[in-house]
Structure formats: C-alpha cells, structure tokens
C-alpha cells in the first residue's frame, strides 16, 4: 500500500496531537522523576514510524527503515 506524503503528514499530525494531550494527562499524575537526557526522536515520530511500518508489507523494521 502506497501512502502519499499528505496522508503521512495527516497521520503524524493526529499522532502528535494525541501525544501532546497524553503527555499533559500523564504529567498531572506523575511523580516528577523525569529523564535528564532528551531523546533524539519524540514520541509522535516513533509512533508514526510504527504505524507506517504496519501499513507496509515488510518482514521486519530493518527492511522498512
């Protein structure tokens, strides 16, 4: 299945909006021990890659990425 750049962007925006709201909710209930090192990719980027991987016909993530 081929996805257009517009569709990929739409998926990313939806995931990013979800992650922003999810982070707000989690931060209200967290104990405050946040990691000191910032990750190179944010959660919405990782989740979008995983969603796109499942749309494809790849056997593993190495072939996809």
N, C-alpha and C. Protein backbone atom coordinates (compact mmCIF):
# COMPACT_ATOMS: atom_id res chain seq x y z
N UNK A 1 0.85 -1.18 0.00
CA UNK A 1 0.00 0.00 0.00
C UNK A 1 0.89 1.25 0.00
N UNK A 2 0.66 2.13 -0.94
CA UNK A 2 1.44 3.36 -1.04
C UNK A 2 0.65 4.50 -0.39
N UNK A 3 1.31 5.21 0.50
CA UNK A 3 0.68 6.37 1.15
C UNK A 3 1.32 7.64 0.62
N UNK A 4 0.50 8.62 0.34
CA UNK A 4 1.03 9.90 -0.14
C UNK A 4 1.67 10.66 1.01
N UNK A 5 2.48 11.65 0.65
CA UNK A 5 3.12 12.48 1.68
C UNK A 5 2.07 13.22 2.51
N UNK A 6 0.97 13.61 1.87
CA UNK A 6 -0.10 14.29 2.59
C UNK A 6 -0.73 13.38 3.63
N UNK A 7 -0.93 12.11 3.28
CA UNK A 7 -1.53 11.15 4.21
C UNK A 7 -0.58 10.87 5.37
N UNK A 8 0.71 10.77 5.08
CA UNK A 8 1.70 10.56 6.14
C UNK A 8 1.72 11.75 7.08
N UNK A 9 1.65 12.95 6.52
CA UNK A 9 1.62 14.16 7.34
C UNK A 9 0.36 14.19 8.19
N UNK A 10 -0.76 13.80 7.62
CA UNK A 10 -2.02 13.76 8.37
C UNK A 10 -1.93 12.78 9.54
N UNK A 11 -1.35 11.62 9.30
CA UNK A 11 -1.17 10.63 10.37
C UNK A 11 -0.28 11.21 11.46
N UNK A 12 0.83 11.85 11.06
CA UNK A 12 1.74 12.43 12.04
C UNK A 12 1.04 13.49 12.89
N UNK A 13 0.27 14.36 12.26
CA UNK A 13 -0.42 15.43 12.99
C UNK A 13 -1.39 14.84 14.01
N UNK A 14 -2.14 13.83 13.61
CA UNK A 14 -3.08 13.19 14.54
C UNK A 14 -2.34 12.55 15.72
N UNK A 15 -1.25 11.86 15.42
CA UNK A 15 -0.46 11.22 16.48
C UNK A 15 0.15 12.27 17.39
N UNK A 16 0.66 13.35 16.81
CA UNK A 16 1.28 14.41 17.60
C UNK A 16 0.27 15.08 18.53
N UNK A 17 -0.93 15.34 18.03
CA UNK A 17 -1.98 15.92 18.88
C UNK A 17 -2.33 14.98 20.02
N UNK A 18 -2.42 13.68 19.72
CA UNK A 18 -2.69 12.70 20.77
C UNK A 18 -1.57 12.71 21.82
N UNK A 19 -0.31 12.71 21.37
CA UNK A 19 0.82 12.67 22.29
C UNK A 19 0.87 13.91 23.18
N UNK A 20 0.53 15.06 22.64
CA UNK A 20 0.51 16.29 23.44
C UNK A 20 -0.52 16.17 24.56
N UNK A 21 -1.72 15.73 24.22
CA UNK A 21 -2.77 15.56 25.24
C UNK A 21 -2.41 14.45 26.23
N UNK A 22 -1.84 13.38 25.73
CA UNK A 22 -1.44 12.27 26.60
C UNK A 22 -0.37 12.72 27.59
N UNK A 23 0.62 13.48 27.11
CA UNK A 23 1.68 13.98 27.99
C UNK A 23 1.13 14.90 29.07
N UNK A 24 0.15 15.73 28.71
CA UNK A 24 -0.48 16.60 29.71
C UNK A 24 -1.14 15.78 30.80
N UNK A 25 -1.86 14.74 30.40
CA UNK A 25 -2.55 13.88 31.36
C UNK A 25 -1.56 13.12 32.23
N UNK A 26 -0.53 12.59 31.63
CA UNK A 26 0.48 11.83 32.38
C UNK A 26 1.23 12.73 33.35
N UNK A 27 1.55 13.95 32.93
CA UNK A 27 2.31 14.85 33.81
C UNK A 27 1.52 15.23 35.06
N UNK A 28 0.20 15.23 34.97
CA UNK A 28 -0.63 15.52 36.14
C UNK A 28 -0.53 14.41 37.18
N UNK A 29 -0.29 13.18 36.73
CA UNK A 29 -0.30 12.03 37.62
C UNK A 29 1.09 11.44 37.87
N UNK A 30 2.13 12.07 37.34
CA UNK A 30 3.47 11.51 37.50
C UNK A 30 4.10 11.97 38.82
N UNK A 31 5.13 11.26 39.24
CA UNK A 31 5.80 11.57 40.49
C UNK A 31 6.86 12.64 40.34
N UNK A 32 7.24 12.96 39.13
CA UNK A 32 8.18 14.04 38.90
C UNK A 32 9.59 13.60 38.55
N UNK A 33 9.88 12.32 38.52
CA UNK A 33 11.21 11.84 38.15
C UNK A 33 11.31 11.74 36.63
N UNK A 34 11.69 12.83 36.01
CA UNK A 34 11.78 12.87 34.55
C UNK A 34 13.21 12.52 34.12
N UNK A 35 13.37 11.87 32.97
CA UNK A 35 14.72 11.57 32.48
C UNK A 35 15.49 12.86 32.19
N UNK A 36 16.78 12.84 32.47
CA UNK A 36 17.60 14.04 32.27
C UNK A 36 18.05 14.18 30.82
N UNK A 37 18.19 13.07 30.12
CA UNK A 37 18.65 13.11 28.74
C UNK A 37 17.46 13.14 27.79
N UNK A 38 17.46 14.10 26.88
CA UNK A 38 16.38 14.22 25.90
C UNK A 38 16.57 13.17 24.80
N UNK A 39 15.50 12.49 24.41
CA UNK A 39 15.62 11.54 23.29
C UNK A 39 15.83 12.28 21.97
N UNK A 40 16.42 11.59 21.00
CA UNK A 40 16.67 12.22 19.70
C UNK A 40 15.40 12.34 18.87
N UNK A 41 14.45 11.44 19.11
CA UNK A 41 13.16 11.48 18.41
C UNK A 41 12.06 11.60 19.45
N UNK A 42 11.03 12.38 19.14
CA UNK A 42 9.94 12.48 20.10
C UNK A 42 8.96 11.32 19.91
N UNK A 43 8.06 11.16 20.86
CA UNK A 43 7.14 10.02 20.85
C UNK A 43 6.28 9.98 19.59
N UNK A 44 5.82 11.13 19.13
CA UNK A 44 4.95 11.14 17.95
C UNK A 44 5.69 10.68 16.69
N UNK A 45 6.98 10.97 16.59
CA UNK A 45 7.76 10.49 15.45
C UNK A 45 7.90 8.97 15.48
N UNK A 46 8.20 8.43 16.65
CA UNK A 46 8.37 6.98 16.79
C UNK A 46 7.05 6.26 16.51
N UNK A 47 5.96 6.76 17.07
CA UNK A 47 4.65 6.13 16.87
C UNK A 47 4.24 6.18 15.40
N UNK A 48 4.49 7.31 14.74
CA UNK A 48 4.16 7.43 13.32
C UNK A 48 4.95 6.42 12.49
N UNK A 49 6.23 6.25 12.79
CA UNK A 49 7.04 5.26 12.08
C UNK A 49 6.47 3.87 12.28
N UNK A 50 6.06 3.55 13.50
CA UNK A 50 5.49 2.23 13.77
C UNK A 50 4.16 2.02 13.03
N UNK A 51 3.34 3.05 12.96
CA UNK A 51 2.07 2.94 12.22
C UNK A 51 2.36 2.71 10.74
N UNK A 52 3.28 3.47 10.17
CA UNK A 52 3.61 3.31 8.75
C UNK A 52 4.22 1.94 8.47
N UNK A 53 5.02 1.43 9.40
CA UNK A 53 5.60 0.09 9.26
C UNK A 53 4.50 -0.95 9.14
N UNK A 54 3.45 -0.83 9.93
CA UNK A 54 2.37 -1.80 9.90
C UNK A 54 1.50 -1.68 8.64
N UNK A 55 1.53 -0.54 7.98
CA UNK A 55 0.83 -0.39 6.70
C UNK A 55 1.57 -1.11 5.57
N UNK A 56 2.87 -1.26 5.71
CA UNK A 56 3.68 -1.86 4.65
C UNK A 56 3.70 -3.37 4.72
N UNK A 57 4.34 -3.97 3.74
CA UNK A 57 4.45 -5.43 3.67
C UNK A 57 5.88 -5.86 4.01
N UNK A 58 6.41 -5.29 5.06
CA UNK A 58 7.79 -5.58 5.45
C UNK A 58 7.83 -6.68 6.50
N UNK A 59 8.87 -7.51 6.43
CA UNK A 59 9.00 -8.61 7.39
C UNK A 59 9.53 -8.12 8.73
N UNK A 60 10.36 -7.09 8.69
CA UNK A 60 10.90 -6.55 9.94
C UNK A 60 11.19 -5.06 9.78
N UNK A 61 11.45 -4.42 10.88
CA UNK A 61 11.65 -2.97 10.88
C UNK A 61 12.93 -2.57 10.14
N UNK A 62 13.93 -3.44 10.14
CA UNK A 62 15.18 -3.14 9.45
C UNK A 62 14.95 -2.93 7.95
N UNK A 63 14.11 -3.76 7.34
CA UNK A 63 13.82 -3.61 5.91
C UNK A 63 12.97 -2.37 5.63
N UNK A 64 12.14 -2.00 6.58
CA UNK A 64 11.31 -0.81 6.42
C UNK A 64 12.13 0.46 6.55
N UNK A 65 12.94 0.52 7.58
CA UNK A 65 13.65 1.74 7.92
C UNK A 65 14.91 1.86 7.10
